Every structure is written in structure tokens, then in C-alpha cells.
Amino acid sequence: MADTQISAHISEATKEQVGRYAGAHGVKKGALVEQALLHHLQALRELPADIIIPPRLELSEASFAKVTELMAKPRKPTKAMRELMKGKPMAVRIIREDHRQAA
């Protein structure tokens, strides 16, 4: 299969990361970019769209203000969140409760 060249504009930070990784692992930059694209395209095909997390988030000024406000004054965690952070498996507890109700 013949190779085809593409051109893309990327940030300087991304370019530096590609260069560092390629140098550290002994791979050519083009091979790294192709593998990354193939991996990403496979994920887009196989995973539900709502679980794909973009590497960058762009916020409107209003959304950014809201995020800043929430970070400055975080809401109290819910009971479910506190239990999750303690490592208690909520899904298992729900299944067990459902099982008890059915019995």
C-alpha cells in the first residue's frame, strides 16, 4: 500500500510531545501519528459517543464563569458521592437490595 502524506496544524505543545515520545521510544513521528489516528478512529467506531472525552474542552465565557464559580464554592457531596469516594461499590449494593426485595 502506498503512503499518502497529509498536513495538519497542531499546537507547539503537541508537536513537542510527539517529538519527545518518538525520540524516547525510537519510533518515527509519522508512524506515531498514524498509530494514534488509527487508535482514535477505532475508539470512535467502537465506543459510545458519550464516553469519548475530548483532549481539550472549549467553554463559552458564561460556562467558564460557572465552572470558576463552582470551583470556588463547591457543592456538598451527595451521600452516593461520599460512599463512592470511600470505595463502597454502589452497584453491588443496589443489586443486593433488589435481590432482597425480590425474595
PDB file of N, CA and C in Angstrom:
ATOM      1  N   MET A   1       0.854  -1.175   0.000  1.00  0.00           N
ATOM      2  CA  MET A   1       0.000   0.000   0.000  1.00  0.00           C
ATOM      3  C   MET A   1       0.899   1.236   0.000  1.00  0.00           C
ATOM      4  N   ALA A   2       0.608   2.155  -0.881  1.00  0.00           N
ATOM      5  CA  ALA A   2       1.404   3.379  -0.994  1.00  0.00           C
ATOM      6  C   ALA A   2       1.044   4.342   0.131  1.00  0.00           C
ATOM      7  N   ASP A   3       2.053   5.008   0.651  1.00  0.00           N
ATOM      8  CA  ASP A   3       1.817   6.007   1.694  1.00  0.00           C
ATOM      9  C   ASP A   3       1.305   7.293   1.071  1.00  0.00           C
ATOM     10  N   THR A   4       0.453   7.990   1.815  1.00  0.00           N
ATOM     11  CA  THR A   4      -0.069   9.284   1.403  1.00  0.00           C
ATOM     12  C   THR A   4       0.268  10.286   2.488  1.00  0.00           C
ATOM     13  N   GLN A   5       0.679  11.463   2.087  1.00  0.00           N
ATOM     14  CA  GLN A   5       1.026  12.490   3.061  1.00  0.00           C
ATOM     15  C   GLN A   5      -0.165  13.397   3.308  1.00  0.00           C
ATOM     16  N   ILE A   6      -0.383  13.740   4.581  1.00  0.00           N
ATOM     17  CA  ILE A   6      -1.409  14.716   4.938  1.00  0.00           C
ATOM     18  C   ILE A   6      -0.740  15.853   5.697  1.00  0.00           C
ATOM     19  N   SER A   7      -1.437  16.952   5.785  1.00  0.00           N
ATOM     20  CA  SER A   7      -0.909  18.102   6.503  1.00  0.00           C
ATOM     21  C   SER A   7      -1.924  18.514   7.555  1.00  0.00           C
ATOM     22  N   ALA A   8      -1.448  18.859   8.727  1.00  0.00           N
ATOM     23  CA  ALA A   8      -2.345  19.284   9.799  1.00  0.00           C
ATOM     24  C   ALA A   8      -1.658  20.355  10.634  1.00  0.00           C
ATOM     25  N   HIS A   9      -2.440  21.283  11.124  1.00  0.00           N
ATOM     26  CA  HIS A   9      -1.924  22.299  12.042  1.00  0.00           C
ATOM     27  C   HIS A   9      -2.119  21.776  13.464  1.00  0.00           C
ATOM     28  N   ILE A  10      -1.041  21.746  14.236  1.00  0.00           N
ATOM     29  CA  ILE A  10      -1.105  21.305  15.631  1.00  0.00           C
ATOM     30  C   ILE A  10      -0.412  22.345  16.497  1.00  0.00           C
ATOM     31  N   SER A  11      -0.709  22.297  17.779  1.00  0.00           N
ATOM     32  CA  SER A  11      -0.084  23.250  18.696  1.00  0.00           C
ATOM     33  C   SER A  11       1.394  22.915  18.871  1.00  0.00           C
ATOM     34  N   GLU A  12       2.138  23.896  19.292  1.00  0.00           N
ATOM     35  CA  GLU A  12       3.565  23.692  19.558  1.00  0.00           C
ATOM     36  C   GLU A  12       3.747  22.660  20.675  1.00  0.00           C
ATOM     37  N   ALA A  13       2.860  22.700  21.665  1.00  0.00           N
ATOM     38  CA  ALA A  13       2.952  21.745  22.779  1.00  0.00           C
ATOM     39  C   ALA A  13       2.757  20.311  22.288  1.00  0.00           C
ATOM     40  N   THR A  14       1.801  20.099  21.390  1.00  0.00           N
ATOM     41  CA  THR A  14       1.574  18.755  20.846  1.00  0.00           C
ATOM     42  C   THR A  14       2.778  18.316  20.025  1.00  0.00           C
ATOM     43  N   LYS A  15       3.309  19.220  19.226  1.00  0.00           N
ATOM     44  CA  LYS A  15       4.493  18.907  18.422  1.00  0.00           C
ATOM     45  C   LYS A  15       5.652  18.473  19.308  1.00  0.00           C
ATOM     46  N   GLU A  16       5.840  19.175  20.416  1.00  0.00           N
ATOM     47  CA  GLU A  16       6.916  18.827  21.349  1.00  0.00           C
ATOM     48  C   GLU A  16       6.676  17.457  21.977  1.00  0.00           C
ATOM     49  N   GLN A  17       5.429  17.162  22.338  1.00  0.00           N
ATOM     50  CA  GLN A  17       5.114  15.852  22.922  1.00  0.00           C
ATOM     51  C   GLN A  17       5.381  14.725  21.931  1.00  0.00           C
ATOM     52  N   VAL A  18       4.990  14.932  20.680  1.00  0.00           N
ATOM     53  CA  VAL A  18       5.235  13.926  19.641  1.00  0.00           C
ATOM     54  C   VAL A  18       6.738  13.706  19.493  1.00  0.00           C
ATOM     55  N   GLY A  19       7.497  14.787  19.430  1.00  0.00           N
ATOM     56  CA  GLY A  19       8.945  14.679  19.289  1.00  0.00           C
ATOM     57  C   GLY A  19       9.592  13.953  20.459  1.00  0.00           C
ATOM     58  N   ARG A  20       9.184  14.300  21.675  1.00  0.00           N
ATOM     59  CA  ARG A  20       9.745  13.644  22.867  1.00  0.00           C
ATOM     60  C   ARG A  20       9.417  12.151  22.883  1.00  0.00           C
ATOM     61  N   TYR A  21       8.150  11.829  22.614  1.00  0.00           N
ATOM     62  CA  TYR A  21       7.749  10.415  22.651  1.00  0.00           C
ATOM     63  C   TYR A  21       8.482   9.632  21.568  1.00  0.00           C
ATOM     64  N   ALA A  22       8.506  10.167  20.353  1.00  0.00           N
ATOM     65  CA  ALA A  22       9.165   9.473  19.246  1.00  0.00           C
ATOM     66  C   ALA A  22      10.642   9.242  19.560  1.00  0.00           C
ATOM     67  N   GLY A  23      11.301  10.249  20.091  1.00  0.00           N
ATOM     68  CA  GLY A  23      12.711  10.108  20.430  1.00  0.00           C
ATOM     69  C   GLY A  23      12.951   9.102  21.545  1.00  0.00           C
ATOM     70  N   ALA A  24      12.116   9.139  22.546  1.00  0.00           N
ATOM     71  CA  ALA A  24      12.293   8.251  23.701  1.00  0.00           C
ATOM     72  C   ALA A  24      12.003   6.794  23.374  1.00  0.00           C
ATOM     73  N   HIS A  25      11.117   6.568  22.392  1.00  0.00           N
ATOM     74  CA  HIS A  25      10.712   5.193  22.091  1.00  0.00           C
ATOM     75  C   HIS A  25      11.249   4.680  20.756  1.00  0.00           C
ATOM     76  N   GLY A  26      12.047   5.498  20.108  1.00  0.00           N
ATOM     77  CA  GLY A  26      12.688   5.056  18.872  1.00  0.00           C
ATOM     78  C   GLY A  26      11.729   4.820  17.715  1.00  0.00           C
ATOM     79  N   VAL A  27      10.645   5.589  17.664  1.00  0.00           N
ATOM     80  CA  VAL A  27       9.707   5.466  16.547  1.00  0.00           C
ATOM     81  C   VAL A  27       9.738   6.745  15.730  1.00  0.00           C
ATOM     82  N   LYS A  28       9.399   6.611  14.474  1.00  0.00           N
ATOM     83  CA  LYS A  28       9.340   7.799  13.620  1.00  0.00           C
ATOM     84  C   LYS A  28       8.053   8.553  13.925  1.00  0.00           C
ATOM     85  N   LYS A  29       8.115   9.866  13.811  1.00  0.00           N
ATOM     86  CA  LYS A  29       6.951  10.703  14.113  1.00  0.00           C
ATOM     87  C   LYS A  29       5.751  10.323  13.244  1.00  0.00           C
ATOM     88  N   GLY A  30       5.984  10.070  11.963  1.00  0.00           N
ATOM     89  CA  GLY A  30       4.893   9.701  11.068  1.00  0.00           C
ATOM     90  C   GLY A  30       4.206   8.418  11.503  1.00  0.00           C
ATOM     91  N   ALA A  31       4.995   7.422  11.929  1.00  0.00           N
ATOM     92  CA  ALA A  31       4.427   6.156  12.403  1.00  0.00           C
ATOM     93  C   ALA A  31       3.620   6.372  13.681  1.00  0.00           C
ATOM     94  N   LEU A  32       4.143   7.216  14.569  1.00  0.00           N
ATOM     95  CA  LEU A  32       3.422   7.518  15.809  1.00  0.00           C
ATOM     96  C   LEU A  32       2.093   8.197  15.513  1.00  0.00           C
ATOM     97  N   VAL A  33       2.096   9.175  14.619  1.00  0.00           N
ATOM     98  CA  VAL A  33       0.863   9.891  14.282  1.00  0.00           C
ATOM     99  C   VAL A  33      -0.138   8.940  13.640  1.00  0.00           C
ATOM    100  N   GLU A  34       0.327   8.068  12.732  1.00  0.00           N
ATOM    101  CA  GLU A  34      -0.599   7.127  12.098  1.00  0.00           C
ATOM    102  C   GLU A  34      -1.202   6.171  13.125  1.00  0.00           C
ATOM    103  N   GLN A  35      -0.389   5.635  14.027  1.00  0.00           N
ATOM    104  CA  GLN A  35      -0.911   4.733  15.054  1.00  0.00           C
ATOM    105  C   GLN A  35      -1.915   5.448  15.953  1.00  0.00           C
ATOM    106  N   ALA A  36      -1.614   6.694  16.304  1.00  0.00           N
ATOM    107  CA  ALA A  36      -2.526   7.460  17.151  1.00  0.00           C
ATOM    108  C   ALA A  36      -3.852   7.703  16.438  1.00  0.00           C
ATOM    109  N   LEU A  37      -3.789   8.044  15.160  1.00  0.00           N
ATOM    110  CA  LEU A  37      -5.018   8.260  14.393  1.00  0.00           C
ATOM    111  C   LEU A  37      -5.825   6.974  14.271  1.00  0.00           C
ATOM    112  N   LEU A  38      -5.160   5.873  13.973  1.00  0.00           N
ATOM    113  CA  LEU A  38      -5.868   4.595  13.867  1.00  0.00           C
ATOM    114  C   LEU A  38      -6.525   4.217  15.194  1.00  0.00           C
ATOM    115  N   HIS A  39      -5.793   4.418  16.275  1.00  0.00           N
ATOM    116  CA  HIS A  39      -6.333   4.112  17.606  1.00  0.00           C
ATOM    117  C   HIS A  39      -7.563   4.970  17.894  1.00  0.00           C
ATOM    118  N   HIS A  40      -7.453   6.255  17.609  1.00  0.00           N
ATOM    119  CA  HIS A  40      -8.556   7.176  17.879  1.00  0.00           C
ATOM    120  C   HIS A  40      -9.768   6.853  17.001  1.00  0.00           C
ATOM    121  N   LEU A  41      -9.537   6.588  15.735  1.00  0.00           N
ATOM    122  CA  LEU A  41     -10.648   6.267  14.832  1.00  0.00           C
ATOM    123  C   LEU A  41     -11.332   4.962  15.245  1.00  0.00           C
ATOM    124  N   GLN A  42     -10.559   3.991  15.702  1.00  0.00           N
ATOM    125  CA  GLN A  42     -11.147   2.740  16.187  1.00  0.00           C
ATOM    126  C   GLN A  42     -12.015   3.002  17.418  1.00  0.00           C
ATOM    127  N   ALA A  43     -11.518   3.827  18.326  1.00  0.00           N
ATOM    128  CA  ALA A  43     -12.304   4.168  19.515  1.00  0.00           C
ATOM    129  C   ALA A  43     -13.600   4.868  19.128  1.00  0.00           C
ATOM    130  N   LEU A  44     -13.535   5.770  18.163  1.00  0.00           N
ATOM    131  CA  LEU A  44     -14.743   6.472  17.719  1.00  0.00           C
ATOM    132  C   LEU A  44     -15.755   5.511  17.107  1.00  0.00           C
ATOM    133  N   ARG A  45     -15.268   4.483  16.423  1.00  0.00           N
ATOM    134  CA  ARG A  45     -16.169   3.492  15.822  1.00  0.00           C
ATOM    135  C   ARG A  45     -16.785   2.571  16.868  1.00  0.00           C
ATOM    136  N   GLU A  46     -16.000   2.172  17.860  1.00  0.00           N
ATOM    137  CA  GLU A  46     -16.408   1.091  18.753  1.00  0.00           C
ATOM    138  C   GLU A  46     -17.006   1.531  20.079  1.00  0.00           C
ATOM    139  N   LEU A  47     -16.748   2.749  20.502  1.00  0.00           N
ATOM    140  CA  LEU A  47     -17.246   3.204  21.800  1.00  0.00           C
ATOM    141  C   LEU A  47     -18.440   4.129  21.624  1.00  0.00           C
ATOM    142  N   PRO A  48     -19.348   4.132  22.598  1.00  0.00           N
ATOM    143  CA  PRO A  48     -20.462   5.088  22.534  1.00  0.00           C
ATOM    144  C   PRO A  48     -19.930   6.521  22.563  1.00  0.00           C
ATOM    145  N   ALA A  49     -20.529   7.378  21.776  1.00  0.00           N
ATOM    146  CA  ALA A  49     -20.047   8.758  21.638  1.00  0.00           C
ATOM    147  C   ALA A  49     -19.999   9.502  22.966  1.00  0.00           C
ATOM    148  N   ASP A  50     -20.904   9.179  23.886  1.00  0.00           N
ATOM    149  CA  ASP A  50     -20.955   9.943  25.142  1.00  0.00           C
ATOM    150  C   ASP A  50     -19.835   9.602  26.117  1.00  0.00           C
ATOM    151  N   ILE A  51     -19.033   8.580  25.825  1.00  0.00           N
ATOM    152  CA  ILE A  51     -17.918   8.295  26.733  1.00  0.00           C
ATOM    153  C   ILE A  51     -16.574   8.745  26.165  1.00  0.00           C
ATOM    154  N   ILE A  52     -16.575   9.292  24.956  1.00  0.00           N
ATOM    155  CA  ILE A  52     -15.343   9.828  24.380  1.00  0.00           C
ATOM    156  C   ILE A  52     -15.096  11.201  25.003  1.00  0.00           C
ATOM    157  N   ILE A  53     -13.973  11.337  25.663  1.00  0.00           N
ATOM    158  CA  ILE A  53     -13.635  12.603  26.321  1.00  0.00           C
ATOM    159  C   ILE A  53     -12.641  13.350  25.438  1.00  0.00           C
ATOM    160  N   PRO A  54     -13.020  14.525  24.960  1.00  0.00           N
ATOM    161  CA  PRO A  54     -12.090  15.267  24.111  1.00  0.00           C
ATOM    162  C   PRO A  54     -10.869  15.726  24.914  1.00  0.00           C
ATOM    163  N   PRO A  55      -9.703  15.801  24.256  1.00  0.00           N
ATOM    164  CA  PRO A  55      -8.499  16.213  24.978  1.00  0.00           C
ATOM    165  C   PRO A  55      -8.517  17.678  25.387  1.00  0.00           C
ATOM    166  N   ARG A  56      -9.352  18.466  24.721  1.00  0.00           N
ATOM    167  CA  ARG A  56      -9.492  19.886  25.070  1.00  0.00           C
ATOM    168  C   ARG A  56     -10.972  20.213  25.140  1.00  0.00           C
ATOM    169  N   LEU A  57     -11.323  21.030  26.100  1.00  0.00           N
ATOM    170  CA  LEU A  57     -12.699  21.490  26.220  1.00  0.00           C
ATOM    171  C   LEU A  57     -12.730  22.981  25.941  1.00  0.00           C
ATOM    172  N   GLU A  58     -13.653  23.398  25.096  1.00  0.00           N
ATOM    173  CA  GLU A  58     -13.804  24.815  24.803  1.00  0.00           C
ATOM    174  C   GLU A  58     -15.092  25.291  25.460  1.00  0.00           C
ATOM    175  N   LEU A  59     -14.975  26.315  26.284  1.00  0.00           N
ATOM    176  CA  LEU A  59     -16.117  26.843  27.023  1.00  0.00           C
ATOM    177  C   LEU A  59     -16.435  28.256  26.568  1.00  0.00           C
ATOM    178  N   SER A  60     -17.712  28.565  26.599  1.00  0.00           N
ATOM    179  CA  SER A  60     -18.107  29.951  26.380  1.00  0.00           C
ATOM    180  C   SER A  60     -17.698  30.738  27.624  1.00  0.00           C
ATOM    181  N   GLU A  61     -17.735  32.047  27.529  1.00  0.00           N
ATOM    182  CA  GLU A  61     -17.381  32.857  28.699  1.00  0.00           C
ATOM    183  C   GLU A  61     -18.333  32.577  29.855  1.00  0.00           C
ATOM    184  N   ALA A  62     -19.620  32.403  29.549  1.00  0.00           N
ATOM    185  CA  ALA A  62     -20.606  32.129  30.597  1.00  0.00           C
ATOM    186  C   ALA A  62     -20.343  30.774  31.258  1.00  0.00           C
ATOM    187  N   SER A  63     -20.027  29.763  30.447  1.00  0.00           N
ATOM    188  CA  SER A  63     -19.735  28.434  31.002  1.00  0.00           C
ATOM    189  C   SER A  63     -18.467  28.465  31.843  1.00  0.00           C
ATOM    190  N   PHE A  64     -17.452  29.189  31.361  1.00  0.00           N
ATOM    191  CA  PHE A  64     -16.214  29.291  32.119  1.00  0.00           C
ATOM    192  C   PHE A  64     -16.465  29.968  33.465  1.00  0.00           C
ATOM    193  N   ALA A  65     -17.289  31.002  33.467  1.00  0.00           N
ATOM    194  CA  ALA A  65     -17.621  31.691  34.713  1.00  0.00           C
ATOM    195  C   ALA A  65     -18.324  30.746  35.681  1.00  0.00           C
ATOM    196  N   LYS A  66     -19.219  29.907  35.166  1.00  0.00           N
ATOM    197  CA  LYS A  66     -19.938  28.961  36.015  1.00  0.00           C
ATOM    198  C   LYS A  66     -18.985  27.921  36.608  1.00  0.00           C
ATOM    199  N   VAL A  67     -18.069  27.408  35.784  1.00  0.00           N
ATOM    200  CA  VAL A  67     -17.083  26.440  36.272  1.00  0.00           C
ATOM    201  C   VAL A  67     -16.214  27.077  37.354  1.00  0.00           C
ATOM    202  N   THR A  68     -15.784  28.303  37.118  1.00  0.00           N
ATOM    203  CA  THR A  68     -14.966  29.020  38.098  1.00  0.00           C
ATOM    204  C   THR A  68     -15.720  29.199  39.407  1.00  0.00           C
ATOM    205  N   GLU A  69     -16.993  29.548  39.304  1.00  0.00           N
ATOM    206  CA  GLU A  69     -17.826  29.714  40.500  1.00  0.00           C
ATOM    207  C   GLU A  69     -17.973  28.395  41.259  1.00  0.00           C
ATOM    208  N   LEU A  70     -18.219  27.310  40.545  1.00  0.00           N
ATOM    209  CA  LEU A  70     -18.370  26.010  41.198  1.00  0.00           C
ATOM    210  C   LEU A  70     -17.071  25.555  41.856  1.00  0.00           C
ATOM    211  N   MET A  71     -15.947  25.900  41.261  1.00  0.00           N
ATOM    212  CA  MET A  71     -14.664  25.531  41.867  1.00  0.00           C
ATOM    213  C   MET A  71     -14.404  26.358  43.119  1.00  0.00           C
ATOM    214  N   ALA A  72     -14.819  27.614  43.104  1.00  0.00           N
ATOM    215  CA  ALA A  72     -14.606  28.482  44.258  1.00  0.00           C
ATOM    216  C   ALA A  72     -15.528  28.108  45.412  1.00  0.00           C
ATOM    217  N   LYS A  73     -16.757  27.699  45.076  1.00  0.00           N
ATOM    218  CA  LYS A  73     -17.742  27.320  46.086  1.00  0.00           C
ATOM    219  C   LYS A  73     -18.343  25.968  45.713  1.00  0.00           C
ATOM    220  N   PRO A  74     -17.587  24.886  45.946  1.00  0.00           N
ATOM    221  CA  PRO A  74     -18.100  23.572  45.550  1.00  0.00           C
ATOM    222  C   PRO A  74     -19.344  23.176  46.349  1.00  0.00           C
ATOM    223  N   ARG A  75     -20.234  22.453  45.679  1.00  0.00           N
ATOM    224  CA  ARG A  75     -21.432  21.963  46.363  1.00  0.00           C
ATOM    225  C   ARG A  75     -21.048  20.834  47.307  1.00  0.00           C
ATOM    226  N   LYS A  76     -21.880  20.597  48.319  1.00  0.00           N
ATOM    227  CA  LYS A  76     -21.643  19.485  49.218  1.00  0.00           C
ATOM    228  C   LYS A  76     -21.828  18.178  48.449  1.00  0.00           C
ATOM    229  N   PRO A  77     -20.972  17.202  48.707  1.00  0.00           N
ATOM    230  CA  PRO A  77     -21.130  15.923  48.014  1.00  0.00           C
ATOM    231  C   PRO A  77     -22.387  15.197  48.482  1.00  0.00           C
ATOM    232  N   THR A  78     -23.006  14.486  47.569  1.00  0.00           N
ATOM    233  CA  THR A  78     -24.181  13.691  47.918  1.00  0.00           C
ATOM    234  C   THR A  78     -23.733  12.458  48.701  1.00  0.00           C
ATOM    235  N   LYS A  79     -24.690  11.768  49.290  1.00  0.00           N
ATOM    236  CA  LYS A  79     -24.375  10.537  50.017  1.00  0.00           C
ATOM    237  C   LYS A  79     -23.737   9.528  49.073  1.00  0.00           C
ATOM    238  N   ALA A  80     -24.277   9.410  47.871  1.00  0.00           N
ATOM    239  CA  ALA A  80     -23.726   8.469  46.894  1.00  0.00           C
ATOM    240  C   ALA A  80     -22.278   8.820  46.561  1.00  0.00           C
ATOM    241  N   MET A  81     -21.970  10.106  46.413  1.00  0.00           N
ATOM    242  CA  MET A  81     -20.604  10.527  46.097  1.00  0.00           C
ATOM    243  C   MET A  81     -19.669  10.220  47.265  1.00  0.00           C
ATOM    244  N   ARG A  82     -20.125  10.487  48.504  1.00  0.00           N
ATOM    245  CA  ARG A  82     -19.281  10.186  49.667  1.00  0.00           C
ATOM    246  C   ARG A  82     -18.975   8.689  49.740  1.00  0.00           C
ATOM    247  N   GLU A  83     -19.973   7.860  49.492  1.00  0.00           N
ATOM    248  CA  GLU A  83     -19.752   6.411  49.537  1.00  0.00           C
ATOM    249  C   GLU A  83     -18.835   5.959  48.414  1.00  0.00           C
ATOM    250  N   LEU A  84     -18.991   6.558  47.255  1.00  0.00           N
ATOM    251  CA  LEU A  84     -18.121   6.233  46.139  1.00  0.00           C
ATOM    252  C   LEU A  84     -16.674   6.561  46.487  1.00  0.00           C
ATOM    253  N   MET A  85     -16.456   7.722  47.089  1.00  0.00           N
ATOM    254  CA  MET A  85     -15.098   8.142  47.435  1.00  0.00           C
ATOM    255  C   MET A  85     -14.513   7.282  48.561  1.00  0.00           C
ATOM    256  N   LYS A  86     -15.363   6.668  49.369  1.00  0.00           N
ATOM    257  CA  LYS A  86     -14.886   5.748  50.403  1.00  0.00           C
ATOM    258  C   LYS A  86     -14.553   4.381  49.823  1.00  0.00           C
ATOM    259  N   GLY A  87     -14.929   4.178  48.562  1.00  0.00           N
ATOM    260  CA  GLY A  87     -14.645   2.898  47.917  1.00  0.00           C
ATOM    261  C   GLY A  87     -15.759   1.887  48.055  1.00  0.00           C
ATOM    262  N   LYS A  88     -16.925   2.337  48.485  1.00  0.00           N
ATOM    263  CA  LYS A  88     -18.045   1.413  48.622  1.00  0.00           C
ATOM    264  C   LYS A  88     -18.693   1.217  47.248  1.00  0.00           C
ATOM    265  N   PRO A  89     -18.821  -0.021  46.805  1.00  0.00           N
ATOM    266  CA  PRO A  89     -19.400  -0.267  45.479  1.00  0.00           C
ATOM    267  C   PRO A  89     -20.917  -0.103  45.493  1.00  0.00           C
ATOM    268  N   MET A  90     -21.378   1.000  44.927  1.00  0.00           N
ATOM    269  CA  MET A  90     -22.817   1.282  44.906  1.00  0.00           C
ATOM    270  C   MET A  90     -23.585   0.271  44.062  1.00  0.00           C
ATOM    271  N   ALA A  91     -23.067  -0.124  42.912  1.00  0.00           N
ATOM    272  CA  ALA A  91     -23.794  -1.036  42.025  1.00  0.00           C
ATOM    273  C   ALA A  91     -24.052  -2.367  42.713  1.00  0.00           C
ATOM    274  N   VAL A  92     -23.088  -2.863  43.460  1.00  0.00           N
ATOM    275  CA  VAL A  92     -23.259  -4.136  44.157  1.00  0.00           C
ATOM    276  C   VAL A  92     -24.322  -3.996  45.227  1.00  0.00           C
ATOM    277  N   ARG A  93     -24.303  -2.892  45.952  1.00  0.00           N
ATOM    278  CA  ARG A  93     -25.288  -2.671  46.998  1.00  0.00           C
ATOM    279  C   ARG A  93     -26.701  -2.627  46.397  1.00  0.00           C
ATOM    280  N   ILE A  94     -26.879  -1.964  45.281  1.00  0.00           N
ATOM    281  CA  ILE A  94     -28.187  -1.862  44.643  1.00  0.00           C
ATOM    282  C   ILE A  94     -28.666  -3.237  44.199  1.00  0.00           C
ATOM    283  N   ILE A  95     -27.782  -4.031  43.622  1.00  0.00           N
ATOM    284  CA  ILE A  95     -28.157  -5.379  43.193  1.00  0.00           C
ATOM    285  C   ILE A  95     -28.586  -6.207  44.391  1.00  0.00           C
ATOM    286  N   ARG A  96     -27.853  -6.113  45.477  1.00  0.00           N
ATOM    287  CA  ARG A  96     -28.205  -6.883  46.667  1.00  0.00           C
ATOM    288  C   ARG A  96     -29.546  -6.429  47.230  1.00  0.00           C
ATOM    289  N   GLU A  97     -29.786  -5.120  47.267  1.00  0.00           N
ATOM    290  CA  GLU A  97     -31.070  -4.629  47.761  1.00  0.00           C
ATOM    291  C   GLU A  97     -32.206  -5.095  46.874  1.00  0.00           C
ATOM    292  N   ASP A  98     -32.018  -5.049  45.555  1.00  0.00           N
ATOM    293  CA  ASP A  98     -33.038  -5.538  44.632  1.00  0.00           C
ATOM    294  C   ASP A  98     -33.287  -7.027  44.857  1.00  0.00           C
ATOM    295  N   HIS A  99     -32.219  -7.785  45.122  1.00  0.00           N
ATOM    296  CA  HIS A  99     -32.358  -9.213  45.326  1.00  0.00           C
ATOM    297  C   HIS A  99     -33.165  -9.494  46.598  1.00  0.00           C
ATOM    298  N   ARG A 100     -32.897  -8.721  47.634  1.00  0.00           N
ATOM    299  CA  ARG A 100     -33.638  -8.906  48.892  1.00  0.00           C
ATOM    300  C   ARG A 100     -35.122  -8.596  48.696  1.00  0.00           C
ATOM    301  N   GLN A 101     -35.405  -7.571  47.912  1.00  0.00           N
ATOM    302  CA  GLN A 101     -36.806  -7.199  47.694  1.00  0.00           C
ATOM    303  C   GLN A 101     -37.544  -8.289  46.921  1.00  0.00           C
ATOM    304  N   ALA A 102     -36.848  -8.940  45.993  1.00  0.00           N
ATOM    305  CA  ALA A 102     -37.482  -9.985  45.191  1.00  0.00           C
ATOM    306  C   ALA A 102     -37.720 -11.234  46.010  1.00  0.00           C
ATOM    307  N   ALA A 103     -36.922 -11.457  47.064  1.00  0.00           N
ATOM    308  CA  ALA A 103     -37.022 -12.694  47.859  1.00  0.00           C
ATOM    309  C   ALA A 103     -38.199 -12.662  48.804  1.00  0.00           C
TER     310      ALA A 103
END
